[in-house]
Amino acid sequence: MTELRTEEEIKADIANQLSCWDVCEKLSAKESLTEEQEGKFNRNKIHIQRMLTVDWFVKGCTEEELEKFKKYE
C-alpha cells in the first residue's frame, strides 16, 4: 500500500532529514566521538538510509538534497 502524502508533508519530512544530515555532518567532523555521540550519529545515519528507500521521499528531493543524503547511504 502506498502512503499518500501531501507536498507540504513531504517537504517537512525532507526538512527533518536535513536536520539528521546536519547532525551527521557535525559529528563526522569531530576527531573522535563519545559513545553517546556515536549512538546519535548512527541513529541519524540509519534514519537517512531508511528514508532513501522510500519512493515518495526520493522523488520529493532535489538533486542537491539527494546528493547530501547519499553521503550517508
PDB file of N, CA and C in Angstrom:
ATOM      1  N   MET A   1       0.837  -1.179   0.000  1.00  0.00           N
ATOM      2  CA  MET A   1       0.000   0.000   0.000  1.00  0.00           C
ATOM      3  C   MET A   1       0.886   1.250   0.000  1.00  0.00           C
ATOM      4  N   THR A   2       0.623   2.156  -0.891  1.00  0.00           N
ATOM      5  CA  THR A   2       1.383   3.394  -0.995  1.00  0.00           C
ATOM      6  C   THR A   2       0.815   4.426  -0.029  1.00  0.00           C
ATOM      7  N   GLU A   3       1.705   5.045   0.701  1.00  0.00           N
ATOM      8  CA  GLU A   3       1.280   6.082   1.635  1.00  0.00           C
ATOM      9  C   GLU A   3       1.088   7.380   0.862  1.00  0.00           C
ATOM     10  N   LEU A   4      -0.087   7.978   1.017  1.00  0.00           N
ATOM     11  CA  LEU A   4      -0.358   9.244   0.355  1.00  0.00           C
ATOM     12  C   LEU A   4       0.102  10.379   1.247  1.00  0.00           C
ATOM     13  N   ARG A   5       0.918  11.252   0.694  1.00  0.00           N
ATOM     14  CA  ARG A   5       1.458  12.371   1.451  1.00  0.00           C
ATOM     15  C   ARG A   5       1.244  13.634   0.643  1.00  0.00           C
ATOM     16  N   THR A   6       0.955  14.711   1.347  1.00  0.00           N
ATOM     17  CA  THR A   6       0.809  15.989   0.660  1.00  0.00           C
ATOM     18  C   THR A   6       2.201  16.549   0.367  1.00  0.00           C
ATOM     19  N   GLU A   7       2.244  17.497  -0.525  1.00  0.00           N
ATOM     20  CA  GLU A   7       3.511  18.141  -0.853  1.00  0.00           C
ATOM     21  C   GLU A   7       4.123  18.782   0.399  1.00  0.00           C
ATOM     22  N   GLU A   8       3.287  19.379   1.230  1.00  0.00           N
ATOM     23  CA  GLU A   8       3.761  20.008   2.461  1.00  0.00           C
ATOM     24  C   GLU A   8       4.351  18.977   3.419  1.00  0.00           C
ATOM     25  N   GLU A   9       3.711  17.823   3.529  1.00  0.00           N
ATOM     26  CA  GLU A   9       4.229  16.759   4.400  1.00  0.00           C
ATOM     27  C   GLU A   9       5.568  16.239   3.894  1.00  0.00           C
ATOM     28  N   ILE A  10       5.675  16.100   2.593  1.00  0.00           N
ATOM     29  CA  ILE A  10       6.936  15.633   2.005  1.00  0.00           C
ATOM     30  C   ILE A  10       8.042  16.651   2.269  1.00  0.00           C
ATOM     31  N   LYS A  11       7.741  17.931   2.078  1.00  0.00           N
ATOM     32  CA  LYS A  11       8.743  18.972   2.346  1.00  0.00           C
ATOM     33  C   LYS A  11       9.155  18.965   3.814  1.00  0.00           C
ATOM     34  N   ALA A  12       8.203  18.740   4.709  1.00  0.00           N
ATOM     35  CA  ALA A  12       8.513  18.677   6.142  1.00  0.00           C
ATOM     36  C   ALA A  12       9.405  17.472   6.440  1.00  0.00           C
ATOM     37  N   ASP A  13       9.115  16.339   5.809  1.00  0.00           N
ATOM     38  CA  ASP A  13       9.941  15.144   6.004  1.00  0.00           C
ATOM     39  C   ASP A  13      11.363  15.375   5.496  1.00  0.00           C
ATOM     40  N   ILE A  14      11.478  16.036   4.368  1.00  0.00           N
ATOM     41  CA  ILE A  14      12.804  16.337   3.818  1.00  0.00           C
ATOM     42  C   ILE A  14      13.555  17.285   4.751  1.00  0.00           C
ATOM     43  N   ALA A  15      12.874  18.284   5.282  1.00  0.00           N
ATOM     44  CA  ALA A  15      13.496  19.211   6.230  1.00  0.00           C
ATOM     45  C   ALA A  15      13.986  18.460   7.475  1.00  0.00           C
ATOM     46  N   ASN A  16      13.199  17.505   7.938  1.00  0.00           N
ATOM     47  CA  ASN A  16      13.615  16.695   9.090  1.00  0.00           C
ATOM     48  C   ASN A  16      14.860  15.882   8.765  1.00  0.00           C
ATOM     49  N   GLN A  17      14.915  15.351   7.560  1.00  0.00           N
ATOM     50  CA  GLN A  17      16.082  14.576   7.162  1.00  0.00           C
ATOM     51  C   GLN A  17      17.316  15.471   7.013  1.00  0.00           C
ATOM     52  N   LEU A  18      17.097  16.700   6.588  1.00  0.00           N
ATOM     53  CA  LEU A  18      18.225  17.632   6.513  1.00  0.00           C
ATOM     54  C   LEU A  18      18.765  17.923   7.908  1.00  0.00           C
ATOM     55  N   SER A  19      17.904  17.905   8.905  1.00  0.00           N
ATOM     56  CA  SER A  19      18.361  18.046  10.291  1.00  0.00           C
ATOM     57  C   SER A  19      19.224  16.847  10.683  1.00  0.00           C
ATOM     58  N   CYS A  20      18.808  15.661  10.286  1.00  0.00           N
ATOM     59  CA  CYS A  20      19.600  14.456  10.541  1.00  0.00           C
ATOM     60  C   CYS A  20      20.952  14.559   9.842  1.00  0.00           C
ATOM     61  N   TRP A  21      20.923  15.048   8.613  1.00  0.00           N
ATOM     62  CA  TRP A  21      22.153  15.219   7.844  1.00  0.00           C
ATOM     63  C   TRP A  21      23.087  16.198   8.554  1.00  0.00           C
ATOM     64  N   ASP A  22      22.531  17.300   9.073  1.00  0.00           N
ATOM     65  CA  ASP A  22      23.335  18.279   9.812  1.00  0.00           C
ATOM     66  C   ASP A  22      24.015  17.637  11.022  1.00  0.00           C
ATOM     67  N   VAL A  23      23.277  16.818  11.749  1.00  0.00           N
ATOM     68  CA  VAL A  23      23.846  16.127  12.912  1.00  0.00           C
ATOM     69  C   VAL A  23      25.010  15.237  12.462  1.00  0.00           C
ATOM     70  N   CYS A  24      24.800  14.472  11.399  1.00  0.00           N
ATOM     71  CA  CYS A  24      25.852  13.587  10.888  1.00  0.00           C
ATOM     72  C   CYS A  24      27.076  14.389  10.451  1.00  0.00           C
ATOM     73  N   GLU A  25      26.846  15.497   9.778  1.00  0.00           N
ATOM     74  CA  GLU A  25      27.954  16.337   9.327  1.00  0.00           C
ATOM     75  C   GLU A  25      28.755  16.885  10.508  1.00  0.00           C
ATOM     76  N   LYS A  26      28.064  17.396  11.509  1.00  0.00           N
ATOM     77  CA  LYS A  26      28.750  17.966  12.683  1.00  0.00           C
ATOM     78  C   LYS A  26      29.538  16.904  13.425  1.00  0.00           C
ATOM     79  N   LEU A  27      28.937  15.747  13.600  1.00  0.00           N
ATOM     80  CA  LEU A  27      29.621  14.690  14.342  1.00  0.00           C
ATOM     81  C   LEU A  27      30.752  14.059  13.541  1.00  0.00           C
ATOM     82  N   SER A  28      30.575  13.923  12.238  1.00  0.00           N
ATOM     83  CA  SER A  28      31.637  13.311  11.428  1.00  0.00           C
ATOM     84  C   SER A  28      32.853  14.229  11.298  1.00  0.00           C
ATOM     85  N   ALA A  29      32.677  15.514  11.577  1.00  0.00           N
ATOM     86  CA  ALA A  29      33.791  16.458  11.505  1.00  0.00           C
ATOM     87  C   ALA A  29      34.677  16.386  12.753  1.00  0.00           C
ATOM     88  N   LYS A  30      34.179  15.760  13.806  1.00  0.00           N
ATOM     89  CA  LYS A  30      34.950  15.647  15.046  1.00  0.00           C
ATOM     90  C   LYS A  30      36.045  14.596  14.885  1.00  0.00           C
ATOM     91  N   GLU A  31      37.135  14.828  15.599  1.00  0.00           N
ATOM     92  CA  GLU A  31      38.255  13.898  15.552  1.00  0.00           C
ATOM     93  C   GLU A  31      37.902  12.550  16.174  1.00  0.00           C
ATOM     94  N   SER A  32      37.140  12.610  17.270  1.00  0.00           N
ATOM     95  CA  SER A  32      36.677  11.377  17.909  1.00  0.00           C
ATOM     96  C   SER A  32      35.312  11.648  18.545  1.00  0.00           C
ATOM     97  N   LEU A  33      34.578  10.555  18.763  1.00  0.00           N
ATOM     98  CA  LEU A  33      33.227  10.674  19.300  1.00  0.00           C
ATOM     99  C   LEU A  33      33.109   9.911  20.612  1.00  0.00           C
ATOM    100  N   THR A  34      32.297  10.448  21.503  1.00  0.00           N
ATOM    101  CA  THR A  34      31.961   9.707  22.715  1.00  0.00           C
ATOM    102  C   THR A  34      30.985   8.602  22.309  1.00  0.00           C
ATOM    103  N   GLU A  35      30.717   7.709  23.219  1.00  0.00           N
ATOM    104  CA  GLU A  35      29.756   6.640  22.938  1.00  0.00           C
ATOM    105  C   GLU A  35      28.379   7.230  22.631  1.00  0.00           C
ATOM    106  N   GLU A  36      28.002   8.254  23.389  1.00  0.00           N
ATOM    107  CA  GLU A  36      26.712   8.907  23.166  1.00  0.00           C
ATOM    108  C   GLU A  36      26.656   9.559  21.785  1.00  0.00           C
ATOM    109  N   GLN A  37      27.724  10.227  21.398  1.00  0.00           N
ATOM    110  CA  GLN A  37      27.777  10.871  20.082  1.00  0.00           C
ATOM    111  C   GLN A  37      27.743   9.837  18.960  1.00  0.00           C
ATOM    112  N   GLU A  38      28.441   8.718  19.161  1.00  0.00           N
ATOM    113  CA  GLU A  38      28.419   7.643  18.167  1.00  0.00           C
ATOM    114  C   GLU A  38      27.007   7.116  17.969  1.00  0.00           C
ATOM    115  N   GLY A  39      26.299   6.932  19.078  1.00  0.00           N
ATOM    116  CA  GLY A  39      24.912   6.466  19.010  1.00  0.00           C
ATOM    117  C   GLY A  39      24.040   7.459  18.265  1.00  0.00           C
ATOM    118  N   LYS A  40      24.218   8.733  18.556  1.00  0.00           N
ATOM    119  CA  LYS A  40      23.436   9.782  17.892  1.00  0.00           C
ATOM    120  C   LYS A  40      23.739   9.803  16.397  1.00  0.00           C
ATOM    121  N   PHE A  41      25.021   9.695  16.051  1.00  0.00           N
ATOM    122  CA  PHE A  41      25.417   9.665  14.643  1.00  0.00           C
ATOM    123  C   PHE A  41      24.771   8.475  13.940  1.00  0.00           C
ATOM    124  N   ASN A  42      24.881   7.297  14.539  1.00  0.00           N
ATOM    125  CA  ASN A  42      24.341   6.084  13.916  1.00  0.00           C
ATOM    126  C   ASN A  42      22.828   6.138  13.760  1.00  0.00           C
ATOM    127  N   ARG A  43      22.119   6.653  14.753  1.00  0.00           N
ATOM    128  CA  ARG A  43      20.653   6.765  14.659  1.00  0.00           C
ATOM    129  C   ARG A  43      20.248   7.680  13.503  1.00  0.00           C
ATOM    130  N   ASN A  44      20.932   8.804  13.376  1.00  0.00           N
ATOM    131  CA  ASN A  44      20.605   9.742  12.306  1.00  0.00           C
ATOM    132  C   ASN A  44      20.974   9.176  10.942  1.00  0.00           C
ATOM    133  N   LYS A  45      22.096   8.500  10.866  1.00  0.00           N
ATOM    134  CA  LYS A  45      22.526   7.873   9.609  1.00  0.00           C
ATOM    135  C   LYS A  45      21.526   6.802   9.168  1.00  0.00           C
ATOM    136  N   ILE A  46      21.104   5.968  10.100  1.00  0.00           N
ATOM    137  CA  ILE A  46      20.134   4.910   9.788  1.00  0.00           C
ATOM    138  C   ILE A  46      18.814   5.519   9.330  1.00  0.00           C
ATOM    139  N   HIS A  47      18.411   6.595   9.964  1.00  0.00           N
ATOM    140  CA  HIS A  47      17.157   7.243   9.573  1.00  0.00           C
ATOM    141  C   HIS A  47      17.250   7.756   8.140  1.00  0.00           C
ATOM    142  N   ILE A  48      18.369   8.356   7.793  1.00  0.00           N
ATOM    143  CA  ILE A  48      18.577   8.821   6.411  1.00  0.00           C
ATOM    144  C   ILE A  48      18.531   7.632   5.454  1.00  0.00           C
ATOM    145  N   GLN A  49      19.227   6.559   5.802  1.00  0.00           N
ATOM    146  CA  GLN A  49      19.269   5.380   4.937  1.00  0.00           C
ATOM    147  C   GLN A  49      17.874   4.809   4.704  1.00  0.00           C
ATOM    148  N   ARG A  50      17.077   4.757   5.751  1.00  0.00           N
ATOM    149  CA  ARG A  50      15.711   4.235   5.612  1.00  0.00           C
ATOM    150  C   ARG A  50      14.868   5.116   4.690  1.00  0.00           C
ATOM    151  N   MET A  51      14.991   6.424   4.868  1.00  0.00           N
ATOM    152  CA  MET A  51      14.189   7.325   4.034  1.00  0.00           C
ATOM    153  C   MET A  51      14.599   7.256   2.572  1.00  0.00           C
ATOM    154  N   LEU A  52      15.858   6.932   2.305  1.00  0.00           N
ATOM    155  CA  LEU A  52      16.305   6.808   0.919  1.00  0.00           C
ATOM    156  C   LEU A  52      15.708   5.587   0.219  1.00  0.00           C
ATOM    157  N   THR A  53      15.028   4.730   0.972  1.00  0.00           N
ATOM    158  CA  THR A  53      14.356   3.574   0.361  1.00  0.00           C
ATOM    159  C   THR A  53      12.881   3.853   0.097  1.00  0.00           C
ATOM    160  N   VAL A  54      12.425   5.056   0.472  1.00  0.00           N
ATOM    161  CA  VAL A  54      11.013   5.420   0.327  1.00  0.00           C
ATOM    162  C   VAL A  54      10.837   6.237  -0.956  1.00  0.00           C
ATOM    163  N   ASP A  55      10.072   5.691  -1.868  1.00  0.00           N
ATOM    164  CA  ASP A  55       9.916   6.275  -3.202  1.00  0.00           C
ATOM    165  C   ASP A  55       9.446   7.729  -3.178  1.00  0.00           C
ATOM    166  N   TRP A  56       8.369   8.023  -2.427  1.00  0.00           N
ATOM    167  CA  TRP A  56       7.838   9.392  -2.423  1.00  0.00           C
ATOM    168  C   TRP A  56       8.850  10.375  -1.842  1.00  0.00           C
ATOM    169  N   PHE A  57       9.666   9.905  -0.906  1.00  0.00           N
ATOM    170  CA  PHE A  57      10.683  10.771  -0.315  1.00  0.00           C
ATOM    171  C   PHE A  57      11.756  11.109  -1.344  1.00  0.00           C
ATOM    172  N   VAL A  58      12.269  10.098  -1.999  1.00  0.00           N
ATOM    173  CA  VAL A  58      13.329  10.302  -3.004  1.00  0.00           C
ATOM    174  C   VAL A  58      12.827  11.198  -4.131  1.00  0.00           C
ATOM    175  N   LYS A  59      11.605  10.945  -4.595  1.00  0.00           N
ATOM    176  CA  LYS A  59      11.045  11.759  -5.682  1.00  0.00           C
ATOM    177  C   LYS A  59      10.821  13.208  -5.257  1.00  0.00           C
ATOM    178  N   GLY A  60      10.613  13.440  -3.967  1.00  0.00           N
ATOM    179  CA  GLY A  60      10.379  14.787  -3.464  1.00  0.00           C
ATOM    180  C   GLY A  60      11.646  15.607  -3.254  1.00  0.00           C
ATOM    181  N   CYS A  61      12.784  14.937  -3.254  1.00  0.00           N
ATOM    182  CA  CYS A  61      14.063  15.614  -3.012  1.00  0.00           C
ATOM    183  C   CYS A  61      14.601  16.266  -4.278  1.00  0.00           C
ATOM    184  N   THR A  62      15.316  17.349  -4.087  1.00  0.00           N
ATOM    185  CA  THR A  62      16.066  17.938  -5.200  1.00  0.00           C
ATOM    186  C   THR A  62      17.328  17.099  -5.403  1.00  0.00           C
ATOM    187  N   GLU A  63      18.006  17.303  -6.520  1.00  0.00           N
ATOM    188  CA  GLU A  63      19.263  16.585  -6.764  1.00  0.00           C
ATOM    189  C   GLU A  63      20.283  16.911  -5.679  1.00  0.00           C
ATOM    190  N   GLU A  64      20.322  18.168  -5.258  1.00  0.00           N
ATOM    191  CA  GLU A  64      21.260  18.593  -4.218  1.00  0.00           C
ATOM    192  C   GLU A  64      20.971  17.889  -2.892  1.00  0.00           C
ATOM    193  N   GLU A  65      19.692  17.801  -2.535  1.00  0.00           N
ATOM    194  CA  GLU A  65      19.317  17.121  -1.296  1.00  0.00           C
ATOM    195  C   GLU A  65      19.692  15.642  -1.355  1.00  0.00           C
ATOM    196  N   LEU A  66      19.384  15.009  -2.477  1.00  0.00           N
ATOM    197  CA  LEU A  66      19.724  13.590  -2.628  1.00  0.00           C
ATOM    198  C   LEU A  66      21.225  13.369  -2.519  1.00  0.00           C
ATOM    199  N   GLU A  67      21.993  14.258  -3.119  1.00  0.00           N
ATOM    200  CA  GLU A  67      23.452  14.142  -3.057  1.00  0.00           C
ATOM    201  C   GLU A  67      23.918  14.198  -1.603  1.00  0.00           C
ATOM    202  N   LYS A  68      23.351  15.115  -0.834  1.00  0.00           N
ATOM    203  CA  LYS A  68      23.695  15.216   0.588  1.00  0.00           C
ATOM    204  C   LYS A  68      23.340  13.928   1.320  1.00  0.00           C
ATOM    205  N   PHE A  69      22.126  13.456   1.137  1.00  0.00           N
ATOM    206  CA  PHE A  69      21.675  12.258   1.852  1.00  0.00           C
ATOM    207  C   PHE A  69      22.482  11.023   1.475  1.00  0.00           C
ATOM    208  N   LYS A  70      22.838  10.902   0.219  1.00  0.00           N
ATOM    209  CA  LYS A  70      23.546   9.712  -0.245  1.00  0.00           C
ATOM    210  C   LYS A  70      24.946   9.598   0.346  1.00  0.00           C
ATOM    211  N   LYS A  71      25.453  10.696   0.879  1.00  0.00           N
ATOM    212  CA  LYS A  71      26.750  10.636   1.573  1.00  0.00           C
ATOM    213  C   LYS A  71      26.694   9.654   2.731  1.00  0.00           C
ATOM    214  N   TYR A  72      25.530   9.489   3.314  1.00  0.00           N
ATOM    215  CA  TYR A  72      25.377   8.598   4.477  1.00  0.00           C
ATOM    216  C   TYR A  72      24.590   7.331   4.138  1.00  0.00           C
ATOM    217  N   GLU A  73      24.529   7.012   2.878  1.00  0.00           N
ATOM    218  CA  GLU A  73      23.782   5.848   2.407  1.00  0.00           C
ATOM    219  C   GLU A  73      24.472   4.563   2.838  1.00  0.00           C
TER     220      GLU A  73
END
